[in-house]
Amino acid sequence: MEKAATATILFPEADDSPTQQQCYYRALAARDSRFDGVFFTGVKTTGIYCRPVCGVKTPRESSCEFFGSAAAAEAAGFRPCLRCRPELAPYALQQNLAHAVWQRIADGALNENDLESFSQQVGLSSRQLRRVMLQEFGVTPVELAQTQRLLFAKKLLQETRLGMAEIAFAAGFGSVRRFNALFSERYHMAPGSIRRASDLGGEGVSLRLAYRPPYAWDAVIAYLAGRAMPGLEAVIEEKGGRAYVRSVQIDGISGWLKVAHLPDKQQLSLQVAPALAPVLMLLMARVRQQFDLEANPAVIQSHLEHDAMLTAQIQRTPGMRVPGAFDSFELAIRAVLGQQVSVAGATTVAGRLVTRFGQATTTPFAAITHHFPAPQTIVALSIDQLAGIGIPGARAATLQHIAQFTLDGGLQRQLAASSGDMVARLKTVRGIGEWTAQYIAMRALRFSDAFPAGDLGLQKAAAQLSQPTQTRLTEKQLLGRSEAWAPWRAYAALLLWQSLAVS
């Protein structure tokens, strides 16, 4: 969905419909959090750009210039505000190729790949990629990557006690000297001048991740708690509420993380093991995906609430998210283990898989004792070994098939591929049917329109909300009803599941 369409949803058209510039200024004046990350405001009199939610005095409209990305604002010569901190803004999640590429770059894709290699992964030539980014955002891929590195380094400077070298390399700079020079050139200050001590406390490195409110934290954390794989992840009780914890392995580096809610700040707090500092950018991107922090509840709700079946549940759980996956392979395995069994049963056998075949680790959390077994490990096991966790031999074979599929790159989301394309690709794996493929597409691959209509729970929930005389809808009936929910059918699925939890 384009930014102009977002403006239309939040400011419905009338005979004297305002321009997009006027819409954005109204949002700025109101400090409207629904626009956070959708645009940034460059203030000509100060040379600084801000988020719409910035608490400073609202400038005159004639002094404002609006940009669709932080990179575009910096390319125009504006510096990031030290108060509202543009690096905290959630991404403006759009449904097109340019924004998908933008998000990959923002998550650090060009830190480990040169432009030619990345272009090949995207399926474009480097010239095409450059043209697409210039047309959509007004900046080149390299300029975008450079801005994101600087903003991420700024975030680490203001939120952590990491050393300058750790910050420079974590942000993707090749050297501390290059980092210092570019930071000073772009922001007209030395990196050390904005140093702040972390205010989150606790063990490890602490960071903050913003979202657009509302956020149905209790519903999301309950969903994750019911599906947490023992030994690998857990939901724990703390003084401030429930928190999610798990072990982590990225690029050969091991550690742990904890995610908690800061409702007053409209943020999540993220604590990670100090050893994970070199992979913080990638790790943070995975957490944002797992907790669906880029969602725009206003846009999704405005579409789904037209169906009376969903309206009451939307009102009960405003800000419902689609819980994603920290690791796509883990989720795919968990989905296979969930075939034709209860959630509790799948959780039990998943825990056995983790503790029998995963690598043991030590964390601050008693419940977190292992890492998830790697695809290579699953492939190397015998069918009998895998079946020993309490699953049929055919399902054990499917675990090996999905592990090999992962090693062959099958779980890498293709930017130009549709949800249907990826579902069809997943179904080429022996033992993966429509339900499993849709579930993986929804949670692991983050397709907002994926919808496992064959799910018995969804069929029962839909019947209770629309046809009380029926025990459940058929898969065909549910698919027909869901057509009106596109392109947000995954969110409709979570609302339906949630209605069963509160009924």
Protein backbone atom coordinates (compact mmCIF):
# COMPACT_ATOMS: atom_id res chain seq x y z
CA MET A 1 0.00 0.00 0.00
CA GLU A 2 1.47 3.33 -1.01
CA LYS A 3 2.04 6.25 1.36
CA ALA A 4 -0.62 8.33 -0.43
CA ALA A 5 -3.14 5.57 0.18
CA THR A 6 -2.19 5.53 3.85
CA ALA A 7 -2.85 9.24 4.05
CA THR A 8 -6.27 8.71 2.46
CA ILE A 9 -7.20 6.06 5.03
CA LEU A 10 -6.25 8.25 7.96
CA PHE A 11 -7.71 11.41 6.45
CA PRO A 12 -10.77 10.32 4.38
CA GLU A 13 -11.36 12.22 1.18
CA ALA A 14 -14.02 14.92 1.03
CA ASP A 15 -15.03 17.55 -1.50
CA ASP A 16 -12.35 19.84 -0.10
CA SER A 17 -9.85 16.99 0.30
CA PRO A 18 -6.46 18.21 1.59
CA THR A 19 -3.24 17.62 -0.29
CA GLN A 20 -0.80 14.97 0.94
CA GLN A 21 1.47 17.80 2.17
CA GLN A 22 -1.41 19.17 4.25
CA CYS A 23 -2.28 15.68 5.55
CA TYR A 24 1.27 15.15 6.72
CA TYR A 25 1.41 18.57 8.37
CA ARG A 26 -1.82 17.81 10.24
CA ALA A 27 -0.33 14.50 11.39
CA LEU A 28 2.82 16.35 12.49
CA ALA A 29 0.84 18.97 14.39
CA ALA A 30 -1.18 16.24 16.11
CA ARG A 31 1.93 14.09 16.74
CA ASP A 32 -0.07 11.26 15.16
CA SER A 33 1.71 7.96 15.89
CA ARG A 34 -0.09 6.26 13.00
CA PHE A 35 2.27 8.10 10.66
CA ASP A 36 5.44 7.19 12.56
CA GLY A 37 7.86 5.81 9.98
CA VAL A 38 5.54 6.69 7.08
CA PHE A 39 7.22 10.07 6.63
CA PHE A 40 9.90 12.29 8.17
CA THR A 41 9.84 16.07 8.47
CA GLY A 42 12.83 18.18 7.48
CA VAL A 43 12.77 21.59 9.18
CA LYS A 44 14.44 24.10 6.87
CA THR A 45 15.23 26.61 9.61
CA THR A 46 17.21 24.11 11.71
CA GLY A 47 18.51 21.61 9.15
CA ILE A 48 17.14 18.75 11.30
CA TYR A 49 14.65 16.02 10.37
CA CYS A 50 12.20 14.45 12.84
CA ARG A 51 9.58 11.76 13.25
CA PRO A 52 5.91 12.87 13.28
CA VAL A 53 5.78 12.08 17.00
CA CYS A 54 8.62 14.42 17.96
CA GLY A 55 7.86 16.42 21.12
CA VAL A 56 9.48 19.70 20.00
CA LYS A 57 7.39 22.76 19.14
CA THR A 58 5.67 22.24 15.80
CA PRO A 59 7.35 24.32 13.09
CA ARG A 60 5.41 26.42 10.58
CA GLU A 61 4.16 24.51 7.57
CA SER A 62 6.23 26.72 5.26
CA SER A 63 9.37 25.55 7.10
CA CYS A 64 8.58 21.85 6.60
CA GLU A 65 9.66 19.46 3.88
CA PHE A 66 8.37 15.89 4.00
CA PHE A 67 10.29 12.76 3.04
CA GLY A 68 9.31 9.13 2.64
CA SER A 69 12.50 7.83 4.30
CA ALA A 70 15.29 8.90 6.59
CA ALA A 71 17.73 8.33 3.73
CA ALA A 72 15.90 10.83 1.52
CA ALA A 73 15.94 13.40 4.33
CA GLU A 74 19.68 12.95 4.84
CA ALA A 75 20.33 13.05 1.10
CA ALA A 76 18.63 16.48 1.13
CA GLY A 77 21.09 17.67 3.77
CA PHE A 78 19.07 17.25 6.98
CA ARG A 79 20.53 15.78 10.20
CA PRO A 80 18.61 13.39 12.51
CA CYS A 81 16.91 14.83 15.57
CA LEU A 82 18.58 13.86 18.85
CA ARG A 83 15.27 14.04 20.71
CA CYS A 84 12.82 11.91 18.71
CA ARG A 85 15.62 9.80 17.19
CA PRO A 86 14.52 8.77 13.65
CA GLU A 87 16.35 5.44 14.01
CA LEU A 88 13.62 4.32 16.44
CA ALA A 89 10.80 4.74 13.91
CA PRO A 90 9.08 1.57 12.69
CA TYR A 91 9.45 0.89 8.99
CA ALA A 92 6.77 2.00 6.55
CA LEU A 93 5.74 -1.47 5.46
CA GLN A 94 4.42 -1.35 1.90
CA GLN A 95 3.32 -4.05 -0.49
CA ASN A 96 5.66 -3.56 -3.45
CA LEU A 97 9.10 -4.58 -4.68
CA ALA A 98 10.81 -1.25 -3.97
CA HIS A 99 9.84 -1.31 -0.30
CA ALA A 100 10.80 -4.96 0.04
CA VAL A 101 14.25 -4.10 -1.31
CA TRP A 102 14.40 -1.08 0.97
CA GLN A 103 13.70 -3.23 4.02
CA ARG A 104 16.39 -5.76 3.06
CA ILE A 105 18.93 -2.95 2.73
CA ALA A 106 17.74 -1.31 5.96
CA ASP A 107 18.29 -4.64 7.73
CA GLY A 108 21.93 -4.73 6.61
CA ALA A 109 21.87 -6.70 3.35
CA LEU A 110 24.65 -4.54 1.86
CA ASN A 111 26.87 -4.95 4.90
CA GLU A 112 27.88 -8.45 3.80
CA ASN A 113 27.17 -8.28 0.04
CA ASP A 114 28.34 -5.90 -2.66
CA LEU A 115 25.73 -4.22 -4.84
CA GLU A 116 26.17 -6.69 -7.72
CA SER A 117 25.67 -9.74 -5.50
CA PHE A 118 22.68 -8.20 -3.78
CA SER A 119 21.13 -7.24 -7.12
CA GLN A 120 21.38 -10.85 -8.26
CA GLN A 121 19.65 -12.01 -5.07
CA VAL A 122 16.84 -9.53 -5.73
CA GLY A 123 16.53 -10.61 -9.36
CA LEU A 124 17.46 -7.24 -10.89
CA SER A 125 20.56 -5.83 -12.48
CA SER A 126 22.44 -3.27 -10.39
CA ARG A 127 21.35 -0.59 -12.87
CA GLN A 128 17.68 -1.59 -12.53
CA LEU A 129 17.98 -1.69 -8.77
CA ARG A 130 19.48 1.78 -8.68
CA ARG A 131 16.72 3.12 -10.91
CA VAL A 132 13.95 1.56 -8.80
CA MET A 133 15.32 3.02 -5.57
CA LEU A 134 15.84 6.47 -7.09
CA GLN A 135 12.31 6.53 -8.46
CA GLU A 136 10.71 5.40 -5.21
CA PHE A 137 12.92 7.04 -2.56
CA GLY A 138 15.16 9.53 -4.31
CA VAL A 139 18.34 7.79 -3.09
CA THR A 140 20.61 5.05 -4.41
CA PRO A 141 20.93 1.66 -2.66
CA VAL A 142 24.40 2.61 -1.41
CA GLU A 143 23.13 5.92 0.01
CA LEU A 144 20.30 4.11 1.76
CA ALA A 145 22.68 1.55 3.26
CA GLN A 146 25.01 4.30 4.42
CA THR A 147 22.18 6.16 6.16
CA GLN A 148 21.00 2.99 7.91
CA ARG A 149 24.53 2.22 9.13
CA LEU A 150 24.85 5.70 10.58
CA LEU A 151 21.42 5.59 12.23
CA PHE A 152 22.10 2.16 13.70
CA ALA A 153 25.47 3.34 15.03
CA LYS A 154 23.72 6.39 16.52
CA LYS A 155 21.23 4.05 18.20
CA LEU A 156 24.03 1.99 19.74
CA LEU A 157 25.81 5.14 20.90
CA GLN A 158 22.71 6.39 22.70
CA GLU A 159 21.45 3.10 24.12
CA THR A 160 24.47 0.92 24.89
CA ARG A 161 27.89 1.02 26.49
CA LEU A 162 29.59 -0.76 23.59
CA GLY A 163 33.02 0.50 22.60
CA MET A 164 33.51 2.57 19.44
CA ALA A 165 35.11 -0.32 17.56
CA GLU A 166 32.24 -2.67 18.49
CA ILE A 167 29.70 -0.08 17.37
CA ALA A 168 31.46 0.62 14.07
CA PHE A 169 31.68 -3.04 13.09
CA ALA A 170 28.19 -3.91 14.37
CA ALA A 171 26.79 -1.13 12.15
CA GLY A 172 28.59 -2.51 9.09
CA PHE A 173 31.52 -0.10 8.76
CA GLY A 174 34.80 -1.52 7.56
CA SER A 175 36.86 0.51 10.02
CA VAL A 176 36.51 2.84 13.01
CA ARG A 177 38.25 5.56 11.03
CA ARG A 178 35.66 5.38 8.25
CA PHE A 179 32.86 5.42 10.81
CA ASN A 180 34.22 8.48 12.62
CA ALA A 181 34.82 10.39 9.39
CA LEU A 182 31.39 9.72 7.91
CA PHE A 183 29.57 10.41 11.18
CA SER A 184 31.32 13.77 11.57
CA GLU A 185 30.79 14.66 7.91
CA ARG A 186 27.07 13.86 7.90
CA TYR A 187 26.02 14.92 11.40
CA HIS A 188 28.58 17.68 12.09
CA MET A 189 29.54 16.23 15.46
CA ALA A 190 31.84 13.56 16.85
CA PRO A 191 30.28 10.17 17.70
CA GLY A 192 31.28 10.48 21.34
CA SER A 193 29.32 13.70 21.78
CA ILE A 194 25.97 11.88 21.80
CA ARG A 195 27.02 9.08 24.13
CA ARG A 196 24.33 8.12 26.65
CA ALA A 197 24.25 5.34 29.22
CA SER A 198 21.69 2.61 28.67
CA ASP A 199 18.53 3.35 30.65
CA LEU A 200 17.03 -0.14 30.49
CA GLY A 201 19.34 -1.82 32.96
CA GLY A 202 19.71 -5.55 33.34
CA GLU A 203 22.29 -7.97 32.04
CA GLY A 204 23.64 -7.75 28.49
CA VAL A 205 23.20 -5.13 25.77
CA SER A 206 19.89 -3.25 25.95
CA LEU A 207 18.05 -1.72 23.00
CA ARG A 208 14.62 -0.24 22.34
CA LEU A 209 12.33 -1.06 19.41
CA ALA A 210 9.39 1.21 18.59
CA TYR A 211 6.02 0.24 17.13
CA ARG A 212 2.85 2.01 16.00
CA PRO A 213 0.24 1.69 18.76
CA PRO A 214 -1.88 -0.03 19.76
CA TYR A 215 0.00 -3.28 20.32
CA ALA A 216 -1.87 -6.32 21.68
CA TRP A 217 1.10 -7.49 23.76
CA ASP A 218 -0.86 -9.81 26.05
CA ALA A 219 -2.40 -11.64 23.09
CA VAL A 220 0.89 -11.90 21.20
CA ILE A 221 2.90 -13.12 24.17
CA ALA A 222 0.18 -15.67 25.02
CA TYR A 223 0.28 -16.98 21.45
CA LEU A 224 4.08 -17.36 21.61
CA ALA A 225 3.91 -18.93 25.07
CA GLY A 226 1.59 -21.66 23.86
CA ARG A 227 3.95 -22.57 21.02
CA ALA A 228 7.34 -22.04 22.70
CA MET A 229 9.68 -25.00 22.20
CA PRO A 230 10.99 -26.18 25.60
CA GLY A 231 14.73 -25.73 26.01
CA LEU A 232 14.90 -23.19 23.16
CA GLU A 233 12.43 -20.46 24.13
CA ALA A 234 10.03 -19.55 26.91
CA VAL A 235 7.73 -16.85 28.22
CA ILE A 236 8.69 -15.87 31.78
CA GLU A 237 6.97 -13.83 34.47
CA GLU A 238 8.71 -10.67 35.65
CA LYS A 239 7.77 -7.78 37.90
CA GLY A 240 6.93 -5.64 34.88
CA GLY A 241 4.93 -8.36 33.13
CA ARG A 242 5.61 -11.31 30.84
CA ALA A 243 8.77 -11.45 28.72
CA TYR A 244 9.96 -13.70 25.90
CA VAL A 245 13.40 -15.33 26.16
CA ARG A 246 15.34 -17.67 23.89
CA SER A 247 18.77 -18.89 22.84
CA VAL A 248 20.37 -17.43 19.71
CA GLN A 249 22.87 -18.64 17.11
CA ILE A 250 23.70 -16.32 14.18
CA ASP A 251 26.69 -16.73 11.87
CA GLY A 252 28.42 -19.00 14.36
CA ILE A 253 27.95 -16.58 17.28
CA SER A 254 25.93 -17.86 20.25
CA GLY A 255 24.00 -16.07 22.96
CA TRP A 256 20.51 -15.30 24.23
CA LEU A 257 17.89 -12.57 24.11
CA LYS A 258 14.95 -11.26 26.12
CA VAL A 259 12.04 -9.16 24.81
CA ALA A 260 9.70 -7.25 27.14
CA HIS A 261 7.05 -4.58 26.71
CA LEU A 262 7.35 -0.87 27.56
CA PRO A 263 3.75 0.23 27.01
CA ASP A 264 4.24 3.77 28.31
CA LYS A 265 6.94 4.36 25.68
CA GLN A 266 5.19 2.39 22.92
CA GLN A 267 8.32 0.29 22.58
CA LEU A 268 9.68 -3.18 23.21
CA SER A 269 12.87 -3.57 25.20
CA LEU A 270 15.44 -5.99 23.81
CA GLN A 271 18.28 -7.40 25.88
CA VAL A 272 20.90 -9.60 24.26
CA ALA A 273 24.05 -11.37 25.34
CA PRO A 274 27.17 -9.17 24.93
CA ALA A 275 28.73 -11.81 22.67
CA LEU A 276 26.06 -11.04 20.03
CA ALA A 277 27.26 -7.44 19.49
CA PRO A 278 28.78 -8.22 16.04
CA VAL A 279 25.39 -9.39 14.70
CA LEU A 280 23.13 -6.86 16.40
CA MET A 281 21.75 -5.37 13.19
CA LEU A 282 20.60 -8.72 11.83
CA LEU A 283 19.38 -9.85 15.24
CA MET A 284 17.31 -6.69 15.71
CA ALA A 285 15.76 -7.17 12.25
CA ARG A 286 14.74 -10.71 13.21
CA VAL A 287 13.13 -9.53 16.45
CA ARG A 288 11.22 -6.81 14.60
CA GLN A 289 9.93 -9.50 12.25
CA GLN A 290 9.05 -11.95 15.01
CA PHE A 291 7.01 -9.33 16.87
CA ASP A 292 5.59 -7.73 13.70
CA LEU A 293 6.70 -4.24 14.65
CA GLU A 294 6.24 -2.75 11.18
CA ALA A 295 2.47 -3.33 11.13
CA ASN A 296 0.22 -0.29 10.85
CA PRO A 297 -2.85 -1.19 12.95
CA ALA A 298 -4.89 1.76 11.65
CA VAL A 299 -4.56 0.63 8.04
CA ILE A 300 -5.28 -3.04 8.83
CA GLN A 301 -8.20 -2.31 11.13
CA SER A 302 -9.80 0.14 8.69
CA HIS A 303 -10.00 -2.71 6.17
CA LEU A 304 -10.98 -5.65 8.37
CA GLU A 305 -13.59 -3.89 10.49
CA HIS A 306 -15.90 -3.68 7.47
CA ASP A 307 -16.72 -7.35 8.16
CA ALA A 308 -19.01 -7.68 11.16
CA MET A 309 -17.53 -11.11 11.86
CA LEU A 310 -14.23 -9.49 12.89
CA THR A 311 -15.38 -6.18 14.35
CA ALA A 312 -16.02 -7.37 17.91
CA GLN A 313 -12.69 -9.19 18.12
CA ILE A 314 -10.83 -6.14 16.76
CA GLN A 315 -12.40 -4.10 19.56
CA ARG A 316 -11.41 -6.71 22.16
CA THR A 317 -7.80 -6.98 20.99
CA PRO A 318 -6.86 -3.70 19.26
CA GLY A 319 -3.41 -3.82 17.70
CA MET A 320 -3.34 -7.59 17.09
CA ARG A 321 -0.14 -8.66 15.35
CA VAL A 322 0.85 -11.76 13.40
CA PRO A 323 3.64 -13.32 15.49
CA GLY A 324 6.47 -14.16 13.14
CA ALA A 325 9.52 -16.36 13.55
CA PHE A 326 13.00 -15.54 14.78
CA ASP A 327 14.27 -18.24 12.45
CA SER A 328 12.37 -19.51 9.39
CA PHE A 329 13.79 -23.03 9.61
CA GLU A 330 12.69 -23.39 13.24
CA LEU A 331 9.18 -22.32 12.35
CA ALA A 332 9.00 -24.68 9.38
CA ILE A 333 10.02 -27.62 11.56
CA ARG A 334 7.53 -26.56 14.23
CA ALA A 335 4.80 -26.39 11.56
CA VAL A 336 5.54 -29.94 10.38
CA LEU A 337 5.48 -31.21 13.97
CA GLY A 338 2.08 -29.54 14.35
CA GLN A 339 0.47 -31.50 11.54
CA GLN A 340 -2.66 -33.35 12.72
CA VAL A 341 -1.83 -32.95 16.41
CA SER A 342 -2.78 -30.47 19.12
CA VAL A 343 -0.70 -27.37 19.88
CA ALA A 344 0.31 -28.92 23.21
CA GLY A 345 1.34 -32.18 21.54
CA ALA A 346 3.43 -30.39 18.93
CA THR A 347 5.11 -28.33 21.67
CA THR A 348 6.07 -31.50 23.56
CA VAL A 349 7.72 -33.24 20.60
CA ALA A 350 9.41 -29.99 19.52
CA GLY A 351 11.01 -29.79 22.96
CA ARG A 352 12.31 -33.34 22.57
CA LEU A 353 13.82 -32.45 19.20
CA VAL A 354 15.60 -29.44 20.72
CA THR A 355 17.01 -31.17 23.78
CA ARG A 356 18.05 -34.40 22.02
CA PHE A 357 19.64 -32.95 18.90
CA GLY A 358 20.32 -29.28 19.67
CA GLN A 359 23.60 -27.93 21.03
CA ALA A 360 23.63 -27.37 24.79
CA THR A 361 24.18 -23.80 25.97
CA THR A 362 24.25 -21.72 29.15
CA THR A 363 21.98 -18.70 29.60
CA PRO A 364 20.70 -16.58 32.51
CA PHE A 365 17.33 -18.35 32.15
CA ALA A 366 16.84 -21.79 33.68
CA ALA A 367 14.36 -22.81 30.97
CA ILE A 368 16.75 -22.02 28.09
CA THR A 369 19.30 -24.81 27.77
CA HIS A 370 19.82 -25.55 24.05
CA HIS A 371 20.08 -24.08 20.57
CA PHE A 372 17.86 -25.37 17.82
CA PRO A 373 19.45 -28.14 15.73
CA ALA A 374 20.84 -26.88 12.42
CA PRO A 375 19.45 -28.13 9.09
CA GLN A 376 22.68 -30.07 8.54
CA THR A 377 22.12 -31.88 11.82
CA ILE A 378 18.56 -32.91 10.88
CA VAL A 379 19.67 -34.16 7.46
CA ALA A 380 22.45 -36.26 9.00
CA LEU A 381 20.15 -38.07 11.43
CA SER A 382 18.45 -41.35 10.59
CA ILE A 383 14.69 -41.62 10.24
CA ASP A 384 14.61 -43.86 13.31
CA GLN A 385 16.46 -41.27 15.39
CA LEU A 386 14.02 -38.54 14.41
CA ALA A 387 10.99 -40.77 14.88
CA GLY A 388 12.29 -41.48 18.38
CA ILE A 389 10.96 -38.13 19.59
CA GLY A 390 7.45 -39.56 19.18
CA ILE A 391 6.43 -38.93 15.58
CA PRO A 392 5.56 -41.22 12.65
CA GLY A 393 8.36 -42.20 10.28
CA ALA A 394 6.71 -40.30 7.41
CA ARG A 395 6.76 -37.09 9.43
CA ALA A 396 10.39 -37.70 10.40
CA ALA A 397 11.17 -37.98 6.70
CA THR A 398 9.39 -34.66 6.09
CA LEU A 399 11.64 -33.03 8.69
CA GLN A 400 14.63 -34.13 6.64
CA HIS A 401 13.02 -32.94 3.41
CA ILE A 402 12.37 -29.46 4.82
CA ALA A 403 15.91 -29.34 6.23
CA GLN A 404 17.38 -30.11 2.81
CA PHE A 405 14.96 -27.62 1.23
CA THR A 406 16.34 -24.99 3.63
CA LEU A 407 19.95 -25.82 2.79
CA ASP A 408 19.08 -25.42 -0.90
CA GLY A 409 17.76 -21.90 -0.23
CA GLY A 410 14.09 -22.81 -0.42
CA LEU A 411 13.07 -20.80 2.65
CA GLN A 412 14.60 -17.58 1.39
CA ARG A 413 11.73 -15.29 0.48
CA GLN A 414 11.99 -14.13 -3.11
CA LEU A 415 11.18 -10.41 -3.23
CA ALA A 416 9.21 -10.58 -6.48
CA ALA A 417 7.36 -13.78 -5.49
CA SER A 418 3.74 -13.69 -4.37
CA SER A 419 2.31 -15.61 -1.46
CA GLY A 420 0.87 -18.10 -3.96
CA ASP A 421 4.29 -18.56 -5.55
CA MET A 422 5.96 -19.35 -2.25
CA VAL A 423 3.13 -21.64 -1.11
CA ALA A 424 3.44 -23.60 -4.37
CA ARG A 425 7.19 -23.81 -3.87
CA LEU A 426 6.79 -25.11 -0.32
CA LYS A 427 4.31 -27.74 -1.46
CA THR A 428 6.98 -29.30 -3.67
CA VAL A 429 8.52 -30.63 -0.45
CA ARG A 430 7.26 -34.14 0.20
CA GLY A 431 4.97 -34.06 3.24
CA ILE A 432 4.12 -30.34 3.01
CA GLY A 433 0.47 -29.69 2.20
CA GLU A 434 -1.63 -26.56 1.83
CA TRP A 435 -2.13 -25.90 5.56
CA THR A 436 1.55 -26.26 6.44
CA ALA A 437 2.67 -24.15 3.46
CA GLN A 438 0.21 -21.36 4.28
CA TYR A 439 1.23 -21.38 7.94
CA ILE A 440 4.92 -21.11 7.04
CA ALA A 441 4.16 -18.36 4.51
CA MET A 442 2.20 -16.46 7.15
CA ARG A 443 4.60 -16.65 10.09
CA ALA A 444 8.06 -17.40 8.70
CA LEU A 445 7.95 -15.66 5.32
CA ARG A 446 5.73 -12.76 6.50
CA PHE A 447 3.11 -12.78 3.75
CA SER A 448 0.26 -10.66 5.10
CA ASP A 449 -2.30 -12.40 2.86
CA ALA A 450 -1.34 -16.01 3.66
CA PHE A 451 -4.32 -17.84 5.13
CA PRO A 452 -4.44 -21.51 6.27
CA ALA A 453 -8.13 -22.02 5.54
CA GLY A 454 -7.82 -25.75 6.23
CA ASP A 455 -7.18 -25.03 9.91
CA LEU A 456 -9.89 -26.58 12.06
CA GLY A 457 -9.65 -23.79 14.64
CA LEU A 458 -10.22 -21.09 12.03
CA GLN A 459 -13.19 -22.99 10.64
CA LYS A 460 -14.75 -23.33 14.11
CA ALA A 461 -14.11 -19.70 15.02
CA ALA A 462 -15.62 -18.42 11.79
CA ALA A 463 -18.73 -20.55 12.35
CA GLN A 464 -19.15 -19.31 15.92
CA LEU A 465 -18.92 -15.68 14.80
CA SER A 466 -21.06 -15.91 11.67
CA GLN A 467 -23.06 -19.16 11.54
CA PRO A 468 -23.83 -20.21 15.14
CA THR A 469 -25.98 -23.07 13.86
CA GLN A 470 -22.92 -24.70 12.25
CA THR A 471 -20.13 -26.42 14.15
CA ARG A 472 -17.60 -25.15 11.63
CA LEU A 473 -17.37 -23.77 8.13
CA THR A 474 -15.93 -25.87 5.35
CA GLU A 475 -12.55 -24.92 3.93
CA LYS A 476 -14.27 -23.72 0.76
CA GLN A 477 -16.75 -21.59 2.70
CA LEU A 478 -13.99 -20.04 4.79
CA LEU A 479 -11.87 -19.29 1.72
CA GLY A 480 -14.82 -17.57 0.11
CA ARG A 481 -15.48 -15.48 3.21
CA SER A 482 -11.79 -14.57 3.50
CA GLU A 483 -11.59 -13.01 0.04
CA ALA A 484 -12.95 -9.75 1.45
CA TRP A 485 -10.12 -9.64 4.01
CA ALA A 486 -7.30 -9.53 1.44
CA PRO A 487 -4.53 -8.36 1.61
CA TRP A 488 -4.64 -8.71 5.41
CA ARG A 489 -5.98 -12.25 5.75
CA ALA A 490 -3.13 -13.31 8.05
CA TYR A 491 -4.31 -10.72 10.59
CA ALA A 492 -7.88 -11.97 10.22
CA ALA A 493 -6.58 -15.47 11.02
CA LEU A 494 -5.00 -14.27 14.26
CA LEU A 495 -8.20 -12.47 15.23
CA LEU A 496 -10.20 -15.65 14.65
CA TRP A 497 -7.77 -17.76 16.68
CA GLN A 498 -7.86 -15.15 19.41
CA SER A 499 -11.66 -15.29 19.52
CA LEU A 500 -11.38 -18.97 20.48
CA ALA A 501 -8.97 -18.09 23.28
CA VAL A 502 -11.38 -15.60 24.86
CA SER A 503 -14.67 -17.36 24.14
